[in-house]
Amino acid sequence: MKLVKAGQIANCCQPNALMTLKEYLEDYALPDTKKKGEVVIKNEIPFIPNEKVRAIAIEHLNEIKEGKRDFRF
């Protein structure tokens, strides 16, 4: 609740959601679904308000592509 009241929830939920989607796309999605999902991720990254959190999320998204898993904010 503290993160919600402080307006910081987007700095946790948004990156976590995008990383979860990326893991699904890498592990289970058909090629067409993967393409569409990558577009969604690319379009949603700018909505992470904090620049530092955004940079870390991008780094983790790249690591997920390399096979690493279980990142969270």
N, C-alpha and C. Protein backbone atom coordinates (compact mmCIF):
# COMPACT_ATOMS: atom_id res chain seq x y z
N MET A 1 0.82 -1.18 0.00
CA MET A 1 0.00 0.00 0.00
C MET A 1 0.87 1.26 0.00
N LYS A 2 2.03 1.16 0.62
CA LYS A 2 2.93 2.30 0.70
C LYS A 2 3.34 2.78 -0.70
N LEU A 3 3.62 1.83 -1.61
CA LEU A 3 4.00 2.20 -2.97
C LEU A 3 2.85 2.86 -3.73
N VAL A 4 1.65 2.41 -3.47
CA VAL A 4 0.49 3.00 -4.13
C VAL A 4 0.30 4.44 -3.68
N LYS A 5 0.33 4.66 -2.39
CA LYS A 5 0.14 6.00 -1.85
C LYS A 5 1.23 6.97 -2.30
N ALA A 6 2.43 6.46 -2.47
CA ALA A 6 3.55 7.31 -2.89
C ALA A 6 3.61 7.48 -4.41
N GLY A 7 2.73 6.79 -5.13
CA GLY A 7 2.72 6.88 -6.58
C GLY A 7 3.86 6.14 -7.25
N GLN A 8 4.48 5.22 -6.54
CA GLN A 8 5.63 4.49 -7.07
C GLN A 8 5.29 3.09 -7.59
N ILE A 9 4.02 2.74 -7.55
CA ILE A 9 3.64 1.39 -7.94
C ILE A 9 3.99 1.09 -9.40
N ALA A 10 3.93 2.11 -10.25
CA ALA A 10 4.26 1.91 -11.68
C ALA A 10 5.73 1.55 -11.86
N ASN A 11 6.56 1.92 -10.91
CA ASN A 11 7.97 1.58 -10.99
C ASN A 11 8.25 0.14 -10.59
N CYS A 12 7.23 -0.55 -10.09
CA CYS A 12 7.38 -1.96 -9.74
C CYS A 12 6.52 -2.85 -10.64
N CYS A 13 5.24 -2.52 -10.72
CA CYS A 13 4.31 -3.38 -11.45
C CYS A 13 4.56 -3.38 -12.96
N GLN A 14 4.77 -2.22 -13.53
CA GLN A 14 4.97 -2.14 -14.98
C GLN A 14 6.20 -2.94 -15.41
N PRO A 15 7.37 -2.73 -14.79
CA PRO A 15 8.54 -3.54 -15.20
C PRO A 15 8.33 -5.03 -14.97
N ASN A 16 7.72 -5.40 -13.83
CA ASN A 16 7.49 -6.82 -13.56
C ASN A 16 6.56 -7.44 -14.60
N ALA A 17 5.52 -6.71 -14.98
CA ALA A 17 4.59 -7.22 -15.99
C ALA A 17 5.30 -7.42 -17.33
N LEU A 18 6.12 -6.45 -17.72
CA LEU A 18 6.83 -6.55 -18.99
C LEU A 18 7.84 -7.70 -18.98
N MET A 19 8.50 -7.90 -17.86
CA MET A 19 9.46 -9.00 -17.77
C MET A 19 8.75 -10.35 -17.78
N THR A 20 7.60 -10.43 -17.14
CA THR A 20 6.82 -11.66 -17.16
C THR A 20 6.35 -11.97 -18.58
N LEU A 21 5.87 -10.94 -19.26
CA LEU A 21 5.47 -11.12 -20.66
C LEU A 21 6.65 -11.59 -21.50
N LYS A 22 7.80 -10.99 -21.32
CA LYS A 22 8.99 -11.37 -22.08
C LYS A 22 9.37 -12.83 -21.83
N GLU A 23 9.31 -13.27 -20.58
CA GLU A 23 9.60 -14.67 -20.27
C GLU A 23 8.63 -15.59 -21.00
N TYR A 24 7.36 -15.24 -20.97
CA TYR A 24 6.36 -16.06 -21.67
C TYR A 24 6.66 -16.11 -23.16
N LEU A 25 6.93 -14.94 -23.75
CA LEU A 25 7.21 -14.89 -25.18
C LEU A 25 8.42 -15.75 -25.55
N GLU A 26 9.46 -15.68 -24.75
CA GLU A 26 10.67 -16.44 -25.03
C GLU A 26 10.45 -17.94 -24.86
N ASP A 27 9.66 -18.33 -23.87
CA ASP A 27 9.53 -19.74 -23.52
C ASP A 27 8.39 -20.47 -24.23
N TYR A 28 7.30 -19.77 -24.57
CA TYR A 28 6.11 -20.48 -25.02
C TYR A 28 5.44 -19.94 -26.28
N ALA A 29 5.67 -18.70 -26.64
CA ALA A 29 4.88 -18.08 -27.70
C ALA A 29 5.25 -18.57 -29.09
N LEU A 30 4.24 -18.63 -29.93
CA LEU A 30 4.46 -18.89 -31.34
C LEU A 30 5.11 -17.65 -31.96
N PRO A 31 5.79 -17.81 -33.09
CA PRO A 31 6.52 -16.68 -33.69
C PRO A 31 5.67 -15.42 -33.90
N ASP A 32 4.44 -15.57 -34.38
CA ASP A 32 3.59 -14.40 -34.61
C ASP A 32 3.23 -13.71 -33.30
N THR A 33 2.92 -14.50 -32.29
CA THR A 33 2.60 -13.95 -30.97
C THR A 33 3.83 -13.27 -30.39
N LYS A 34 4.98 -13.85 -30.58
CA LYS A 34 6.22 -13.27 -30.07
C LYS A 34 6.46 -11.90 -30.69
N LYS A 35 6.27 -11.78 -32.00
CA LYS A 35 6.43 -10.49 -32.68
C LYS A 35 5.50 -9.44 -32.09
N LYS A 36 4.24 -9.81 -31.93
CA LYS A 36 3.25 -8.88 -31.39
C LYS A 36 3.59 -8.49 -29.96
N GLY A 37 4.02 -9.45 -29.17
CA GLY A 37 4.40 -9.17 -27.79
C GLY A 37 5.60 -8.25 -27.69
N GLU A 38 6.56 -8.44 -28.56
CA GLU A 38 7.75 -7.56 -28.56
C GLU A 38 7.35 -6.12 -28.86
N VAL A 39 6.37 -5.94 -29.74
CA VAL A 39 5.88 -4.59 -30.04
C VAL A 39 5.24 -3.98 -28.80
N VAL A 40 4.46 -4.77 -28.09
CA VAL A 40 3.82 -4.28 -26.87
C VAL A 40 4.88 -3.86 -25.86
N ILE A 41 5.89 -4.68 -25.66
CA ILE A 41 6.96 -4.35 -24.71
C ILE A 41 7.65 -3.06 -25.12
N LYS A 42 8.00 -2.95 -26.39
CA LYS A 42 8.67 -1.75 -26.89
C LYS A 42 7.82 -0.49 -26.66
N ASN A 43 6.51 -0.62 -26.87
CA ASN A 43 5.62 0.53 -26.70
C ASN A 43 5.37 0.88 -25.24
N GLU A 44 5.50 -0.08 -24.35
CA GLU A 44 5.20 0.16 -22.93
C GLU A 44 6.40 0.62 -22.12
N ILE A 45 7.60 0.33 -22.56
CA ILE A 45 8.81 0.73 -21.83
C ILE A 45 8.82 2.22 -21.46
N PRO A 46 8.46 3.12 -22.38
CA PRO A 46 8.50 4.55 -22.03
C PRO A 46 7.55 4.96 -20.90
N PHE A 47 6.58 4.12 -20.58
CA PHE A 47 5.63 4.45 -19.52
C PHE A 47 6.14 4.13 -18.12
N ILE A 48 7.33 3.55 -18.02
CA ILE A 48 7.94 3.35 -16.70
C ILE A 48 8.48 4.71 -16.29
N PRO A 49 7.93 5.30 -15.23
CA PRO A 49 8.24 6.70 -14.90
C PRO A 49 9.69 6.99 -14.51
N ASN A 50 10.28 6.12 -13.74
CA ASN A 50 11.62 6.36 -13.22
C ASN A 50 12.67 5.91 -14.23
N GLU A 51 13.57 6.81 -14.61
CA GLU A 51 14.58 6.49 -15.63
C GLU A 51 15.49 5.35 -15.21
N LYS A 52 15.89 5.34 -13.94
CA LYS A 52 16.78 4.29 -13.45
C LYS A 52 16.08 2.93 -13.50
N VAL A 53 14.84 2.88 -13.07
CA VAL A 53 14.06 1.64 -13.10
C VAL A 53 13.87 1.20 -14.55
N ARG A 54 13.59 2.15 -15.43
CA ARG A 54 13.42 1.84 -16.85
C ARG A 54 14.70 1.21 -17.42
N ALA A 55 15.85 1.77 -17.09
CA ALA A 55 17.12 1.24 -17.59
C ALA A 55 17.37 -0.18 -17.06
N ILE A 56 17.07 -0.40 -15.80
CA ILE A 56 17.24 -1.74 -15.22
C ILE A 56 16.29 -2.72 -15.88
N ALA A 57 15.05 -2.30 -16.12
CA ALA A 57 14.07 -3.17 -16.78
C ALA A 57 14.55 -3.55 -18.18
N ILE A 58 15.07 -2.60 -18.92
CA ILE A 58 15.58 -2.88 -20.27
C ILE A 58 16.73 -3.88 -20.19
N GLU A 59 17.60 -3.68 -19.22
CA GLU A 59 18.72 -4.61 -19.02
C GLU A 59 18.21 -6.02 -18.73
N HIS A 60 17.23 -6.12 -17.84
CA HIS A 60 16.66 -7.43 -17.50
C HIS A 60 15.95 -8.06 -18.71
N LEU A 61 15.26 -7.25 -19.50
CA LEU A 61 14.59 -7.77 -20.69
C LEU A 61 15.62 -8.38 -21.65
N ASN A 62 16.75 -7.74 -21.79
CA ASN A 62 17.82 -8.28 -22.64
C ASN A 62 18.39 -9.57 -22.05
N GLU A 63 18.52 -9.61 -20.73
CA GLU A 63 19.03 -10.82 -20.08
C GLU A 63 18.05 -11.98 -20.21
N ILE A 64 16.76 -11.67 -20.18
CA ILE A 64 15.75 -12.72 -20.36
C ILE A 64 15.89 -13.33 -21.75
N LYS A 65 16.16 -12.49 -22.73
CA LYS A 65 16.36 -12.99 -24.10
C LYS A 65 17.55 -13.95 -24.15
N GLU A 66 18.54 -13.74 -23.28
CA GLU A 66 19.73 -14.60 -23.21
C GLU A 66 19.51 -15.86 -22.37
N GLY A 67 18.32 -15.99 -21.78
CA GLY A 67 17.99 -17.20 -21.03
C GLY A 67 17.92 -17.04 -19.53
N LYS A 68 18.24 -15.88 -19.00
CA LYS A 68 18.15 -15.68 -17.56
C LYS A 68 16.70 -15.46 -17.16
N ARG A 69 16.36 -15.78 -15.92
CA ARG A 69 14.97 -15.69 -15.47
C ARG A 69 14.89 -15.18 -14.03
N ASP A 70 13.64 -14.95 -13.62
CA ASP A 70 13.27 -14.62 -12.23
C ASP A 70 13.77 -13.28 -11.73
N PHE A 71 13.66 -12.24 -12.56
CA PHE A 71 13.93 -10.89 -12.11
C PHE A 71 12.65 -10.29 -11.55
N ARG A 72 12.79 -9.38 -10.62
CA ARG A 72 11.63 -8.66 -10.10
C ARG A 72 12.06 -7.38 -9.44
N PHE A 73 11.14 -6.46 -9.35
CA PHE A 73 11.38 -5.18 -8.67
C PHE A 73 10.67 -5.17 -7.35
